[in-house]
């Protein structure tokens, strides 16, 4: 579904990503792991158009999306989270989710004057869908709470709901369970499995929680110093003592 070919990126002469290639299969969960500074988030930033690579290319469903700006890449049904959650903390939870729905007729000025009924219908439909997403995450009872009042783990669940509101095909998650309590980790795990198995989503995630990675990922890619040093099934990586000792301890 997503093919990354030979991307490289340097900052002030330091090679953050070095000739990195991989492929992400549709309907799977792929983990990207490695020590801090390995280049993992830089790969995500390149894929989503937040920074430009120095060389290399990437393709979604056979379409070259290498040089598209970030908003056009998002329109290709790619969505992501960030390590810093980027919620609007002074807005209620449900309004954070509603901001991610696309195709709102109210965004066009003429519709405000001539298609008010259509706008209200869409707003009602989006609200119901947002409630479904919050129910899916176990947060429906928190819909009117300010996002900033939620626990850190709950806020991470809200960011996943925000991603789902844009109806993506592929979801990039940057450390989805870092700093999260075990109960919420289990909830996120069950959500991801449901999204892949029953909703046909594809997930590419960065995570330092190796137990979570090995339990949930179909494939694991290991990075260090900007390079891919190993790729295999979760079981293969989990049982590779050289990788574990050198990069994951």
C-alpha atoms as a PDB file:
ATOM      1  CA  UNK A   1       0.000   0.000   0.000  1.00  0.00           C
ATOM      2  CA  UNK A   2       2.799   2.407   0.938  1.00  0.00           C
ATOM      3  CA  UNK A   3       6.242   2.049  -0.645  1.00  0.00           C
ATOM      4  CA  UNK A   4       9.192   4.122   0.550  1.00  0.00           C
ATOM      5  CA  UNK A   5      12.241   4.119  -1.719  1.00  0.00           C
ATOM      6  CA  UNK A   6      15.721   5.251  -0.702  1.00  0.00           C
ATOM      7  CA  UNK A   7      14.792   8.375   1.235  1.00  0.00           C
ATOM      8  CA  UNK A   8      17.567  10.407   2.843  1.00  0.00           C
ATOM      9  CA  UNK A   9      17.538  13.585   4.904  1.00  0.00           C
ATOM     10  CA  UNK A  10      20.308  15.618   6.521  1.00  0.00           C
ATOM     11  CA  UNK A  11      20.145  18.467   9.011  1.00  0.00           C
ATOM     12  CA  UNK A  12      23.208  20.725   9.219  1.00  0.00           C
ATOM     13  CA  UNK A  13      25.376  17.993   7.736  1.00  0.00           C
ATOM     14  CA  UNK A  14      24.056  15.260  10.050  1.00  0.00           C
ATOM     15  CA  UNK A  15      22.354  12.392   8.213  1.00  0.00           C
ATOM     16  CA  UNK A  16      19.060  11.805  10.057  1.00  0.00           C
ATOM     17  CA  UNK A  17      17.684   9.330   7.492  1.00  0.00           C
ATOM     18  CA  UNK A  18      20.104   7.399   5.310  1.00  0.00           C
ATOM     19  CA  UNK A  19      18.834   5.594   2.186  1.00  0.00           C
ATOM     20  CA  UNK A  20      15.802   4.200   4.004  1.00  0.00           C
ATOM     21  CA  UNK A  21      13.393   1.903   2.151  1.00  0.00           C
ATOM     22  CA  UNK A  22      10.435  -0.204   3.239  1.00  0.00           C
ATOM     23  CA  UNK A  23       6.948  -1.257   2.213  1.00  0.00           C
ATOM     24  CA  UNK A  24       3.761  -1.243   4.274  1.00  0.00           C
ATOM     25  CA  UNK A  25       1.209  -3.888   3.338  1.00  0.00           C
ATOM     26  CA  UNK A  26      -2.497  -3.118   3.307  1.00  0.00           C
ATOM     27  CA  UNK A  27      -4.466  -4.379   6.296  1.00  0.00           C
ATOM     28  CA  UNK A  28      -1.453  -4.857   8.564  1.00  0.00           C
ATOM     29  CA  UNK A  29       0.208  -3.243  11.573  1.00  0.00           C
ATOM     30  CA  UNK A  30       3.879  -2.413  10.995  1.00  0.00           C
ATOM     31  CA  UNK A  31       6.160  -1.251  13.806  1.00  0.00           C
ATOM     32  CA  UNK A  32       9.157   1.050  13.379  1.00  0.00           C
ATOM     33  CA  UNK A  33      11.541   0.739  16.315  1.00  0.00           C
ATOM     34  CA  UNK A  34      15.032   1.785  17.327  1.00  0.00           C
ATOM     35  CA  UNK A  35      16.855   4.009  19.832  1.00  0.00           C
ATOM     36  CA  UNK A  36      16.133   7.700  20.294  1.00  0.00           C
ATOM     37  CA  UNK A  37      17.613   9.677  17.429  1.00  0.00           C
ATOM     38  CA  UNK A  38      17.443   6.751  15.006  1.00  0.00           C
ATOM     39  CA  UNK A  39      15.410   8.784  12.511  1.00  0.00           C
ATOM     40  CA  UNK A  40      11.983   7.253  13.034  1.00  0.00           C
ATOM     41  CA  UNK A  41       9.960  10.443  13.433  1.00  0.00           C
ATOM     42  CA  UNK A  42      11.880  12.060  10.589  1.00  0.00           C
ATOM     43  CA  UNK A  43      10.634   9.246   8.346  1.00  0.00           C
ATOM     44  CA  UNK A  44       7.056  10.011   9.422  1.00  0.00           C
ATOM     45  CA  UNK A  45       7.598  13.733   8.848  1.00  0.00           C
ATOM     46  CA  UNK A  46       8.822  13.054   5.315  1.00  0.00           C
ATOM     47  CA  UNK A  47       5.983  10.678   4.441  1.00  0.00           C
ATOM     48  CA  UNK A  48       3.384  13.209   5.590  1.00  0.00           C
ATOM     49  CA  UNK A  49       4.996  16.189   3.895  1.00  0.00           C
ATOM     50  CA  UNK A  50       6.027  18.122   6.996  1.00  0.00           C
ATOM     51  CA  UNK A  51       9.613  18.143   5.774  1.00  0.00           C
ATOM     52  CA  UNK A  52      11.124  17.416   2.369  1.00  0.00           C
ATOM     53  CA  UNK A  53      13.589  14.609   1.845  1.00  0.00           C
ATOM     54  CA  UNK A  54      16.929  15.311   0.148  1.00  0.00           C
ATOM     55  CA  UNK A  55      16.461  12.284  -2.083  1.00  0.00           C
ATOM     56  CA  UNK A  56      14.197   9.294  -2.555  1.00  0.00           C
ATOM     57  CA  UNK A  57      10.484   8.859  -3.180  1.00  0.00           C
ATOM     58  CA  UNK A  58       7.339   7.264  -1.798  1.00  0.00           C
ATOM     59  CA  UNK A  59       4.170   5.902  -3.311  1.00  0.00           C
ATOM     60  CA  UNK A  60       0.643   5.259  -2.038  1.00  0.00           C
ATOM     61  CA  UNK A  61      -1.390   2.660  -3.918  1.00  0.00           C
ATOM     62  CA  UNK A  62       0.990   3.081  -6.850  1.00  0.00           C
ATOM     63  CA  UNK A  63       0.660   6.878  -6.944  1.00  0.00           C
ATOM     64  CA  UNK A  64       3.789   8.975  -6.506  1.00  0.00           C
ATOM     65  CA  UNK A  65       3.049  11.377  -3.642  1.00  0.00           C
ATOM     66  CA  UNK A  66       6.659  12.377  -3.036  1.00  0.00           C
ATOM     67  CA  UNK A  67       6.453  16.102  -3.656  1.00  0.00           C
ATOM     68  CA  UNK A  68       2.891  16.798  -2.600  1.00  0.00           C
ATOM     69  CA  UNK A  69       2.370  19.385   0.169  1.00  0.00           C
ATOM     70  CA  UNK A  70       1.189  18.085   3.532  1.00  0.00           C
ATOM     71  CA  UNK A  71      -2.480  18.956   3.028  1.00  0.00           C
ATOM     72  CA  UNK A  72      -2.620  17.126  -0.300  1.00  0.00           C
ATOM     73  CA  UNK A  73      -0.945  14.073   1.211  1.00  0.00           C
ATOM     74  CA  UNK A  74      -3.621  14.127   3.937  1.00  0.00           C
ATOM     75  CA  UNK A  75      -6.226  14.172   1.178  1.00  0.00           C
ATOM     76  CA  UNK A  76      -4.758  10.861  -0.040  1.00  0.00           C
ATOM     77  CA  UNK A  77      -6.221   9.225   3.075  1.00  0.00           C
ATOM     78  CA  UNK A  78      -3.024   9.321   5.147  1.00  0.00           C
ATOM     79  CA  UNK A  79      -3.356  10.628   8.700  1.00  0.00           C
ATOM     80  CA  UNK A  80      -0.963  10.761  11.650  1.00  0.00           C
ATOM     81  CA  UNK A  81      -0.530  11.505  15.320  1.00  0.00           C
ATOM     82  CA  UNK A  82       2.382  13.307  16.949  1.00  0.00           C
ATOM     83  CA  UNK A  83       4.383  12.751  20.112  1.00  0.00           C
ATOM     84  CA  UNK A  84       2.974  16.077  21.319  1.00  0.00           C
ATOM     85  CA  UNK A  85      -0.737  15.439  21.100  1.00  0.00           C
ATOM     86  CA  UNK A  86      -1.836  18.717  19.452  1.00  0.00           C
ATOM     87  CA  UNK A  87      -5.330  18.739  20.866  1.00  0.00           C
ATOM     88  CA  UNK A  88      -7.100  22.045  21.467  1.00  0.00           C
ATOM     89  CA  UNK A  89      -7.214  21.673  25.222  1.00  0.00           C
ATOM     90  CA  UNK A  90      -9.749  24.456  25.830  1.00  0.00           C
ATOM     91  CA  UNK A  91     -12.340  22.840  23.550  1.00  0.00           C
ATOM     92  CA  UNK A  92     -14.596  19.921  24.545  1.00  0.00           C
ATOM     93  CA  UNK A  93     -13.489  16.463  23.448  1.00  0.00           C
ATOM     94  CA  UNK A  94     -16.230  16.079  20.841  1.00  0.00           C
ATOM     95  CA  UNK A  95     -15.408  19.414  19.230  1.00  0.00           C
ATOM     96  CA  UNK A  96     -11.791  18.315  18.822  1.00  0.00           C
ATOM     97  CA  UNK A  97     -13.035  15.270  16.946  1.00  0.00           C
ATOM     98  CA  UNK A  98     -15.508  17.288  14.844  1.00  0.00           C
ATOM     99  CA  UNK A  99     -12.677  19.465  13.540  1.00  0.00           C
ATOM    100  CA  UNK A 100     -11.269  16.479  11.636  1.00  0.00           C
ATOM    101  CA  UNK A 101     -14.288  15.720   9.474  1.00  0.00           C
ATOM    102  CA  UNK A 102     -13.770  16.785   5.869  1.00  0.00           C
ATOM    103  CA  UNK A 103     -16.119  17.920   3.129  1.00  0.00           C
ATOM    104  CA  UNK A 104     -18.135  20.258   5.315  1.00  0.00           C
ATOM    105  CA  UNK A 105     -20.435  22.396   3.134  1.00  0.00           C
ATOM    106  CA  UNK A 106     -20.251  25.202   5.693  1.00  0.00           C
ATOM    107  CA  UNK A 107     -16.644  25.798   4.698  1.00  0.00           C
ATOM    108  CA  UNK A 108     -17.904  27.393   1.455  1.00  0.00           C
ATOM    109  CA  UNK A 109     -19.221  30.925   1.886  1.00  0.00           C
ATOM    110  CA  UNK A 110     -22.145  30.631  -0.536  1.00  0.00           C
ATOM    111  CA  UNK A 111     -23.494  27.601   1.276  1.00  0.00           C
ATOM    112  CA  UNK A 112     -23.848  29.689   4.429  1.00  0.00           C
ATOM    113  CA  UNK A 113     -26.463  31.800   2.650  1.00  0.00           C
ATOM    114  CA  UNK A 114     -28.097  29.334   0.265  1.00  0.00           C
ATOM    115  CA  UNK A 115     -27.647  25.819   1.676  1.00  0.00           C
ATOM    116  CA  UNK A 116     -28.154  26.235   5.389  1.00  0.00           C
ATOM    117  CA  UNK A 117     -30.274  23.060   5.568  1.00  0.00           C
ATOM    118  CA  UNK A 118     -27.480  21.041   3.948  1.00  0.00           C
ATOM    119  CA  UNK A 119     -24.987  22.456   6.431  1.00  0.00           C
ATOM    120  CA  UNK A 120     -27.158  21.497   9.405  1.00  0.00           C
ATOM    121  CA  UNK A 121     -27.680  17.980   8.052  1.00  0.00           C
ATOM    122  CA  UNK A 122     -23.942  17.491   7.651  1.00  0.00           C
ATOM    123  CA  UNK A 123     -23.243  18.884  11.107  1.00  0.00           C
ATOM    124  CA  UNK A 124     -25.805  16.486  12.608  1.00  0.00           C
ATOM    125  CA  UNK A 125     -24.311  13.546  10.705  1.00  0.00           C
ATOM    126  CA  UNK A 126     -20.782  14.450  11.826  1.00  0.00           C
ATOM    127  CA  UNK A 127     -21.889  14.795  15.442  1.00  0.00           C
ATOM    128  CA  UNK A 128     -23.429  11.316  15.442  1.00  0.00           C
ATOM    129  CA  UNK A 129     -20.313   9.851  13.842  1.00  0.00           C
ATOM    130  CA  UNK A 130     -18.093  11.610  16.389  1.00  0.00           C
ATOM    131  CA  UNK A 131     -20.158  10.056  19.168  1.00  0.00           C
ATOM    132  CA  UNK A 132     -19.645   6.626  17.599  1.00  0.00           C
ATOM    133  CA  UNK A 133     -15.887   7.177  17.502  1.00  0.00           C
ATOM    134  CA  UNK A 134     -15.830   8.252  21.141  1.00  0.00           C
ATOM    135  CA  UNK A 135     -17.915   5.218  22.067  1.00  0.00           C
ATOM    136  CA  UNK A 136     -15.408   3.049  20.191  1.00  0.00           C
ATOM    137  CA  UNK A 137     -12.624   4.508  22.323  1.00  0.00           C
ATOM    138  CA  UNK A 138     -14.587   4.274  25.580  1.00  0.00           C
ATOM    139  CA  UNK A 139     -14.796   8.051  25.969  1.00  0.00           C
ATOM    140  CA  UNK A 140     -18.400   8.820  25.067  1.00  0.00           C
ATOM    141  CA  UNK A 141     -19.112   9.902  28.640  1.00  0.00           C
ATOM    142  CA  UNK A 142     -16.274  12.437  28.345  1.00  0.00           C
ATOM    143  CA  UNK A 143     -17.544  14.081  25.156  1.00  0.00           C
ATOM    144  CA  UNK A 144     -18.369  17.417  26.814  1.00  0.00           C
ATOM    145  CA  UNK A 145     -15.253  17.534  28.990  1.00  0.00           C
ATOM    146  CA  UNK A 146     -12.510  19.954  28.022  1.00  0.00           C
ATOM    147  CA  UNK A 147      -9.786  17.946  26.314  1.00  0.00           C
ATOM    148  CA  UNK A 148      -7.207  19.430  28.668  1.00  0.00           C
ATOM    149  CA  UNK A 149      -8.988  17.935  31.673  1.00  0.00           C
ATOM    150  CA  UNK A 150      -8.555  14.353  30.476  1.00  0.00           C
ATOM    151  CA  UNK A 151      -5.724  12.102  31.565  1.00  0.00           C
ATOM    152  CA  UNK A 152      -2.753  11.726  29.243  1.00  0.00           C
ATOM    153  CA  UNK A 153      -3.899   8.269  28.161  1.00  0.00           C
ATOM    154  CA  UNK A 154      -7.415   9.515  27.482  1.00  0.00           C
ATOM    155  CA  UNK A 155      -5.988  12.348  25.392  1.00  0.00           C
ATOM    156  CA  UNK A 156      -4.122   9.787  23.311  1.00  0.00           C
ATOM    157  CA  UNK A 157      -7.394   7.980  22.706  1.00  0.00           C
ATOM    158  CA  UNK A 158      -8.945  11.273  21.574  1.00  0.00           C
ATOM    159  CA  UNK A 159      -6.129  11.818  19.065  1.00  0.00           C
ATOM    160  CA  UNK A 160      -6.869   8.405  17.553  1.00  0.00           C
ATOM    161  CA  UNK A 161     -10.560   9.349  17.297  1.00  0.00           C
ATOM    162  CA  UNK A 162      -9.539  12.581  15.563  1.00  0.00           C
ATOM    163  CA  UNK A 163      -7.531  10.566  13.043  1.00  0.00           C
ATOM    164  CA  UNK A 164     -10.450   8.235  12.385  1.00  0.00           C
ATOM    165  CA  UNK A 165     -12.809  11.172  11.804  1.00  0.00           C
ATOM    166  CA  UNK A 166     -10.931  11.935   8.578  1.00  0.00           C
ATOM    167  CA  UNK A 167     -11.738   8.406   7.290  1.00  0.00           C
ATOM    168  CA  UNK A 168      -8.132   7.397   6.549  1.00  0.00           C
ATOM    169  CA  UNK A 169      -6.847   4.307   4.804  1.00  0.00           C
ATOM    170  CA  UNK A 170      -3.447   4.402   6.504  1.00  0.00           C
ATOM    171  CA  UNK A 171      -2.793   5.687  10.019  1.00  0.00           C
ATOM    172  CA  UNK A 172       0.671   6.686  11.254  1.00  0.00           C
ATOM    173  CA  UNK A 173       0.958   6.622  15.048  1.00  0.00           C
ATOM    174  CA  UNK A 174       3.968   8.193  16.765  1.00  0.00           C
ATOM    175  CA  UNK A 175       4.399   6.464  20.153  1.00  0.00           C
ATOM    176  CA  UNK A 176       0.703   5.699  20.754  1.00  0.00           C
ATOM    177  CA  UNK A 177       1.214   4.032  24.152  1.00  0.00           C
ATOM    178  CA  UNK A 178       4.262   5.888  25.499  1.00  0.00           C
ATOM    179  CA  UNK A 179       3.565   7.048  29.046  1.00  0.00           C
ATOM    180  CA  UNK A 180       0.156   5.357  29.116  1.00  0.00           C
ATOM    181  CA  UNK A 181      -1.300   3.202  31.900  1.00  0.00           C
ATOM    182  CA  UNK A 182      -1.632  -0.576  31.236  1.00  0.00           C
ATOM    183  CA  UNK A 183      -5.436  -0.461  31.063  1.00  0.00           C
ATOM    184  CA  UNK A 184      -5.329   2.207  28.337  1.00  0.00           C
ATOM    185  CA  UNK A 185      -2.596   0.309  26.497  1.00  0.00           C
ATOM    186  CA  UNK A 186      -4.946  -2.673  26.317  1.00  0.00           C
ATOM    187  CA  UNK A 187      -7.724  -0.436  25.019  1.00  0.00           C
ATOM    188  CA  UNK A 188      -5.493   1.017  22.295  1.00  0.00           C
ATOM    189  CA  UNK A 189      -4.322  -2.481  21.384  1.00  0.00           C
ATOM    190  CA  UNK A 190      -7.885  -3.740  20.952  1.00  0.00           C
ATOM    191  CA  UNK A 191      -8.812  -0.641  18.921  1.00  0.00           C
ATOM    192  CA  UNK A 192      -5.928  -1.120  16.496  1.00  0.00           C
ATOM    193  CA  UNK A 193      -6.728  -4.773  15.982  1.00  0.00           C
ATOM    194  CA  UNK A 194     -10.376  -3.916  15.332  1.00  0.00           C
ATOM    195  CA  UNK A 195      -9.414  -1.196  12.841  1.00  0.00           C
ATOM    196  CA  UNK A 196      -7.244  -3.594  10.858  1.00  0.00           C
ATOM    197  CA  UNK A 197      -9.301  -6.774  11.060  1.00  0.00           C
ATOM    198  CA  UNK A 198     -12.823  -5.410  10.638  1.00  0.00           C
ATOM    199  CA  UNK A 199     -12.414  -1.960   9.125  1.00  0.00           C
ATOM    200  CA  UNK A 200      -9.603  -2.594   6.657  1.00  0.00           C
ATOM    201  CA  UNK A 201      -7.270   0.082   7.990  1.00  0.00           C
ATOM    202  CA  UNK A 202      -3.486  -0.049   7.673  1.00  0.00           C
ATOM    203  CA  UNK A 203      -1.319   1.072  10.587  1.00  0.00           C
ATOM    204  CA  UNK A 204       2.329   2.147  10.691  1.00  0.00           C
ATOM    205  CA  UNK A 205       3.549   2.973  14.188  1.00  0.00           C
ATOM    206  CA  UNK A 206       6.611   4.098  16.099  1.00  0.00           C
ATOM    207  CA  UNK A 207       6.838   2.734  19.621  1.00  0.00           C
ATOM    208  CA  UNK A 208       9.383   2.073  22.380  1.00  0.00           C
ATOM    209  CA  UNK A 209       7.116  -0.302  24.315  1.00  0.00           C
ATOM    210  CA  UNK A 210       8.463  -3.561  22.936  1.00  0.00           C
ATOM    211  CA  UNK A 211       5.822  -5.716  24.577  1.00  0.00           C
ATOM    212  CA  UNK A 212       3.147  -3.714  22.751  1.00  0.00           C
ATOM    213  CA  UNK A 213       5.051  -3.900  19.465  1.00  0.00           C
ATOM    214  CA  UNK A 214       5.603  -7.654  19.563  1.00  0.00           C
ATOM    215  CA  UNK A 215       2.000  -8.380  20.582  1.00  0.00           C
ATOM    216  CA  UNK A 216       0.386  -6.190  17.941  1.00  0.00           C
ATOM    217  CA  UNK A 217       2.637  -5.815  14.900  1.00  0.00           C
ATOM    218  CA  UNK A 218       2.682  -8.122  11.901  1.00  0.00           C
ATOM    219  CA  UNK A 219       6.039  -6.771  10.768  1.00  0.00           C
ATOM    220  CA  UNK A 220       8.770  -4.846  12.591  1.00  0.00           C
ATOM    221  CA  UNK A 221      11.435  -2.587  11.076  1.00  0.00           C
ATOM    222  CA  UNK A 222      14.499  -1.655  13.137  1.00  0.00           C
ATOM    223  CA  UNK A 223      16.346   1.627  12.551  1.00  0.00           C
ATOM    224  CA  UNK A 224      19.614   3.005  13.875  1.00  0.00           C
ATOM    225  CA  UNK A 225      21.624   6.050  12.787  1.00  0.00           C
ATOM    226  CA  UNK A 226      19.052   6.756  10.074  1.00  0.00           C
ATOM    227  CA  UNK A 227      19.387   3.331   8.450  1.00  0.00           C
ATOM    228  CA  UNK A 228      17.206   0.262   8.343  1.00  0.00           C
ATOM    229  CA  UNK A 229      19.264  -2.463   9.990  1.00  0.00           C
ATOM    230  CA  UNK A 230      16.691  -5.237  10.254  1.00  0.00           C
ATOM    231  CA  UNK A 231      13.208  -6.147   9.080  1.00  0.00           C
ATOM    232  CA  UNK A 232      11.104  -9.185   9.853  1.00  0.00           C
ATOM    233  CA  UNK A 233       8.043 -10.556  11.574  1.00  0.00           C
ATOM    234  CA  UNK A 234       7.460  -9.560  15.178  1.00  0.00           C
ATOM    235  CA  UNK A 235       8.525 -13.064  16.232  1.00  0.00           C
ATOM    236  CA  UNK A 236      11.769 -12.867  14.242  1.00  0.00           C
ATOM    237  CA  UNK A 237      12.750  -9.518  15.734  1.00  0.00           C
ATOM    238  CA  UNK A 238      11.673 -10.526  19.234  1.00  0.00           C
ATOM    239  CA  UNK A 239      13.958 -13.550  19.108  1.00  0.00           C
ATOM    240  CA  UNK A 240      16.956 -11.796  17.559  1.00  0.00           C
ATOM    241  CA  UNK A 241      19.198 -11.420  20.609  1.00  0.00           C
ATOM    242  CA  UNK A 242      21.746  -9.304  18.759  1.00  0.00           C
ATOM    243  CA  UNK A 243      19.097  -6.726  17.896  1.00  0.00           C
ATOM    244  CA  UNK A 244      17.619  -6.781  21.397  1.00  0.00           C
ATOM    245  CA  UNK A 245      20.949  -6.351  23.134  1.00  0.00           C
ATOM    246  CA  UNK A 246      22.323  -3.701  20.804  1.00  0.00           C
ATOM    247  CA  UNK A 247      19.322  -1.488  20.201  1.00  0.00           C
ATOM    248  CA  UNK A 248      16.440  -2.200  22.537  1.00  0.00           C
ATOM    249  CA  UNK A 249      17.940  -2.524  26.007  1.00  0.00           C
END
